[in-house]
Amino acid sequence: MRRRRADKREITPDPKYKNLVITKFMNVIMVCGKKSTAEWIVYQSLENAAKQLGKTDVVEILQKALDNARPLLQLKSRRVGGATYQIPIEVTEEKGIGMAMRWIRNSAKSRKGKSMEDRLAEEIRDAYNGQGIAVKKKEEIHKMAEANRAFSHYRW
């Protein structure tokens, strides 16, 4: 390694549900440091998703949606003797949840015609049900990793 590994910052649990995952999700949604706007969007979308699903526990809904969208493998490019191979590598749980959060945010942003709360609620609901753009992205990456399993011996 060339430099020291950056220290992990401590984040405080969100004020409403006292949950670290929701706080991290707010930080992913936040744009230009507007934390209160991100907080409002996340709370509204979680409540909307819970209403659409007919459930009451929003923390459980978000957790299951993230688990359904979380990748277990990822592909890393590795150059070996003039050829570049896509090598499947296992993803740590923390990194996988971060990737799932970003995928849910980006897929909600890509939906058009509604407010961000509604788009995010729909994407969370779809991820909870094992559908949606974020879950498709995970499945696509898993398929590519399975196809490139023959190169896994190049792992470093």
Foldseek 3Di string as FASTA:
>chain_A
DPDDDDDDDDDFADPPPRDPLLVVLLVLLDDPPPSVVSVVLSVLLLVVLCVVVVHDDSVVLQVLLLVLLFAQWAWDWDDDPNDIATAIDGDDPVVRSVLLSNLLQVQLVPDDDDDSSNSSSVSSNQSNVNHGDSNVVRVVRVVVNVVRNVCNVVPD
